[in-house]
Protein backbone atom coordinates (compact mmCIF):
# COMPACT_ATOMS: atom_id res chain seq x y z
CA MET A 1 -3.34 159.00 73.15
CA SER A 2 -1.39 161.93 71.65
CA GLY A 3 -0.87 160.69 68.10
CA THR A 4 1.65 163.35 67.10
CA GLN A 5 4.05 162.04 69.75
CA ASN A 6 3.66 158.40 68.74
CA ARG A 7 5.15 156.29 65.97
CA ILE A 8 3.79 153.21 64.24
CA THR A 9 5.47 150.27 62.54
CA ILE A 10 3.50 148.12 60.11
CA GLN A 11 4.46 144.69 58.80
CA LEU A 12 2.81 143.58 55.54
CA ASP A 13 2.94 139.94 54.48
CA LEU A 14 0.93 137.82 52.08
CA SER A 15 -0.58 136.04 55.07
CA GLY A 16 -1.71 139.20 56.83
CA TYR A 17 -0.59 142.37 58.53
CA SER A 18 0.40 143.56 61.97
CA PHE A 19 1.15 146.89 63.55
CA THR A 20 2.68 148.27 66.72
CA ILE A 21 2.16 151.77 68.07
CA TYR A 22 4.88 153.18 70.31
CA GLY A 23 4.71 156.14 72.69
CA ARG A 24 7.30 158.92 72.75
CA ASN A 25 9.28 156.97 75.38
CA GLY A 26 9.31 153.78 73.32
CA ASP A 27 6.56 152.04 75.28
CA VAL A 28 4.22 149.80 73.30
CA LEU A 29 0.76 151.42 73.40
CA GLN A 30 -1.08 149.11 71.02
CA GLN A 31 -0.21 145.94 69.12
CA GLU A 32 -2.41 143.94 66.75
CA SER A 33 -2.03 141.18 64.17
CA HIS A 34 -4.63 140.18 61.56
CA PRO A 35 -4.84 137.55 58.83
CA CYS A 36 -6.14 138.85 55.52
CA PRO A 37 -6.47 137.88 51.85
CA VAL A 38 -3.40 138.03 49.62
CA ASP A 39 -4.69 141.20 47.96
CA LEU A 40 -4.42 143.25 51.16
CA SER A 41 -6.72 146.23 51.10
CA ILE A 42 -5.24 149.25 52.84
CA GLN A 43 -8.78 150.07 53.90
CA GLU A 44 -8.16 147.56 56.69
CA LEU A 45 -5.59 149.97 58.15
CA THR A 46 -7.36 153.26 57.35
CA PRO A 47 -8.88 153.77 60.83
CA VAL A 48 -5.45 153.38 62.41
CA LEU A 49 -3.55 155.43 59.84
CA LYS A 50 -5.96 158.36 60.05
CA ARG A 51 -4.32 159.23 63.35
CA GLN A 52 -1.30 161.50 63.24
CA TYR A 53 2.10 159.94 63.99
CA ALA A 54 5.59 161.36 64.30
CA ALA A 55 6.86 158.47 62.14
CA VAL A 56 5.23 155.73 60.05
CA SER A 57 7.42 152.76 59.06
CA VAL A 58 6.13 150.05 56.72
CA TYR A 59 8.06 146.77 56.40
CA PHE A 60 7.10 144.44 53.57
CA THR A 61 8.27 141.22 51.96
CA THR A 62 9.79 141.47 48.49
CA TRP A 63 12.52 139.94 46.37
CA LYS A 64 12.56 142.95 44.04
CA TYR A 65 15.65 144.75 45.32
CA THR A 66 19.34 145.13 44.62
CA LEU A 67 22.39 146.67 46.28
CA VAL A 68 24.49 149.35 44.59
CA PRO A 69 27.91 150.50 45.90
CA LEU A 70 27.66 154.10 47.11
CA SER A 71 30.68 154.98 44.99
CA LEU A 72 28.60 154.14 41.89
CA PHE A 73 25.16 155.16 43.13
CA ASP A 74 23.20 157.77 41.19
CA LYS A 75 19.87 158.59 42.85
CA ASP A 76 18.44 159.62 39.48
CA ASN A 77 18.91 156.11 38.06
CA VAL A 78 17.25 153.94 40.70
CA ARG A 79 14.75 152.39 38.28
CA GLY A 80 17.57 151.55 35.89
CA TYR A 81 19.51 149.70 38.59
CA LEU A 82 16.54 147.55 39.56
CA SER A 83 15.18 146.84 36.09
CA ALA A 84 18.61 145.49 35.13
CA VAL A 85 18.25 142.60 37.58
CA ARG A 86 14.51 142.26 38.29
CA ASP A 87 11.32 142.38 36.25
CA ILE A 88 9.36 145.42 37.42
CA SER A 89 6.15 146.87 36.07
CA LYS A 90 5.59 150.50 35.13
CA GLU A 91 3.20 150.87 38.04
CA GLU A 92 5.64 149.78 40.74
CA ILE A 93 7.31 152.57 42.66
CA VAL A 94 11.09 152.25 42.88
CA LEU A 95 12.76 153.72 45.96
CA ALA A 96 16.28 153.71 47.40
CA LEU A 97 17.83 153.97 50.84
CA GLU A 98 21.49 154.75 51.37
CA MET A 99 23.31 152.60 53.92
CA PRO A 100 26.58 154.44 54.65
CA SER A 101 27.77 151.85 57.18
CA ARG A 102 27.56 149.22 54.40
CA LYS A 103 28.91 151.58 51.72
CA ALA A 104 25.88 150.71 49.61
CA ALA A 105 22.38 151.78 48.69
CA ILE A 106 19.48 149.34 48.55
CA VAL A 107 17.11 149.91 45.61
CA TYR A 108 13.67 148.26 45.82
CA ALA A 109 10.15 148.25 44.38
CA VAL A 110 6.95 148.98 46.29
CA PRO A 111 3.59 147.81 44.88
CA TYR A 112 1.70 150.83 43.55
CA ASN A 113 -1.54 150.17 45.44
CA ILE A 114 0.25 149.96 48.78
CA TYR A 115 2.42 153.02 48.09
CA SER A 116 -0.37 155.26 46.82
CA SER A 117 -2.87 154.24 49.50
CA MET A 118 -0.49 154.74 52.41
CA THR A 119 1.10 157.95 51.19
CA GLY A 120 -2.41 159.28 50.66
CA LEU A 121 -3.10 158.75 54.36
CA CYS A 122 0.33 159.55 55.82
CA ARG A 123 2.75 162.11 54.43
CA ASN A 124 5.69 160.86 56.48
CA VAL A 125 5.43 157.13 55.67
CA LYS A 126 8.67 155.28 54.90
CA PHE A 127 8.90 151.84 53.28
CA TYR A 128 11.51 149.19 54.10
CA PRO A 129 11.97 145.79 52.42
CA THR A 130 12.62 142.83 54.73
CA SER A 131 16.21 142.50 53.52
CA TYR A 132 16.97 146.08 54.58
CA VAL A 133 16.05 145.06 58.13
CA LEU A 134 18.33 142.00 57.96
CA ILE A 135 21.26 144.04 56.65
CA ASP A 136 20.74 146.46 59.52
CA ARG A 137 20.29 143.75 62.20
CA ILE A 138 23.31 141.67 61.18
CA ALA A 139 25.46 144.31 62.89
CA SER A 140 24.12 143.00 66.22
CA VAL A 141 25.61 139.54 65.57
CA ALA A 142 28.87 139.28 67.50
CA ASP A 143 30.47 136.44 65.49
CA ASN A 144 33.27 136.89 62.98
CA ASN A 145 31.29 134.99 60.33
CA ARG A 146 27.76 136.35 60.45
CA LEU A 147 24.89 134.51 58.79
CA LEU A 148 21.33 135.79 59.18
CA VAL A 149 18.19 134.39 57.55
CA SER A 150 14.46 135.09 57.63
CA PHE A 151 11.51 133.02 56.41
CA THR A 152 8.49 134.98 55.15
CA ASP A 153 5.67 134.10 52.75
CA GLY A 154 7.43 131.13 51.19
CA MET A 155 10.59 133.16 50.71
CA LEU A 156 14.03 132.86 52.26
CA HIS A 157 16.06 136.03 52.86
CA ILE A 158 19.79 135.59 53.49
CA VAL A 159 22.43 138.10 54.56
CA ALA A 160 26.07 137.20 55.23
CA ALA A 161 28.89 139.35 56.55
CA GLU A 162 32.46 138.92 57.74
CA ARG A 163 32.59 141.16 60.78
CA ASP A 164 31.30 144.50 59.41
CA LYS A 165 31.97 143.67 55.76
CA LEU A 166 28.76 142.77 53.94
CA LEU A 167 29.38 139.77 51.68
CA PHE A 168 25.94 138.72 50.48
CA ALA A 169 22.27 139.73 50.49
CA ASN A 170 19.54 138.08 48.44
CA SER A 171 16.12 136.41 48.58
CA PHE A 172 14.94 133.09 47.16
CA PRO A 173 11.64 131.21 46.76
CA ALA A 174 11.65 128.46 49.39
CA ALA A 175 8.34 126.80 50.12
CA ASP A 176 9.93 123.93 52.07
CA ILE A 177 12.94 123.23 54.28
CA ALA A 178 14.79 121.22 51.61
CA THR A 179 14.74 124.18 49.22
CA ALA A 180 15.74 126.57 52.01
CA GLU A 181 18.68 124.34 52.96
CA TYR A 182 19.82 124.23 49.34
CA PHE A 183 20.01 128.02 49.10
CA ILE A 184 21.53 128.45 52.56
CA PHE A 185 24.35 126.03 51.81
CA SER A 186 24.88 127.56 48.39
CA VAL A 187 25.44 130.92 50.07
CA VAL A 188 27.66 129.40 52.78
CA LYS A 189 29.82 127.88 50.04
CA GLU A 190 29.94 131.15 48.09
CA VAL A 191 31.11 133.23 51.07
CA LEU A 192 33.51 130.47 52.24
CA PHE A 193 31.98 129.92 55.68
CA ASN A 194 32.51 126.63 57.52
CA PRO A 195 29.08 125.52 58.83
CA GLU A 196 30.69 123.58 61.69
CA HIS A 197 32.11 126.86 63.01
CA THR A 198 29.22 129.13 62.04
CA VAL A 199 26.14 129.99 64.09
CA LEU A 200 23.04 130.48 61.97
CA HIS A 201 20.93 133.39 63.20
CA ILE A 202 17.23 133.55 62.40
CA PHE A 203 15.22 136.78 62.37
CA GLY A 204 11.48 136.51 62.89
CA LYS A 205 9.27 133.48 63.35
CA VAL A 206 10.21 129.99 62.23
CA GLU A 207 8.75 126.58 63.00
CA ASP A 208 10.57 124.61 65.70
CA LYS A 209 11.10 121.66 63.35
CA THR A 210 12.82 123.95 60.83
CA ALA A 211 15.20 125.29 63.46
CA GLN A 212 15.91 121.76 64.69
CA GLU A 213 16.65 120.58 61.17
CA LEU A 214 19.13 123.41 60.61
CA CYS A 215 20.82 122.67 63.96
CA LYS A 216 22.15 119.46 62.42
CA TYR A 217 24.49 121.34 60.12
CA PHE A 218 25.61 124.45 61.99
CA ALA A 219 27.50 125.10 65.21
CA GLY A 220 24.25 126.48 66.57
CA VAL A 221 21.01 128.22 65.68
CA LYS A 222 19.99 131.42 67.46
CA HIS A 223 17.04 133.77 67.16
CA ILE A 224 17.41 137.53 67.15
CA ALA A 225 14.64 140.11 67.55
């Protein structure tokens, strides 16, 4: 395997981690998933990350993020933006990604141990919060009213858009379906969507009973990759 021609994506969750290695043509060369303790040790991934990759993408679950309009965004004030709305420690690394298609920048915190360990192994590693992925993927939803959710580690991530106009993006603690429904319908009400004419799209894994429960209230429930 020629590592310099390959890329790797890593998903970090409280319940474990997974990774996929792709060849230069996009073919999946290796794919693994492992449960692990909450305090994930990057040593678990050291043998894999010691290889050289053309790109290293790390996706992780967090609620510590905010969106800033590009017209107001100052890359030298990213910590100030986030600390105004979230409690962040001095050790956490605050990063930002500009999203020109959304006319916004997403500012987010990365746990220090994960950031330092991975950047020590890979110079070209890039970190992406789950909500960044949802904001990016909602463009693939063809509906006029677009509602996309993801369930990870007892958290609910919600993104809503009207065509290409981003209306809402946030994350909430939701350990059960009743709590998730409360937040979903609060967002639906805020963005003025009619559930009877709105298809709820789900990104990632979700229990069948959860999807069936949500089907009662929306025009349909679909999964997107």
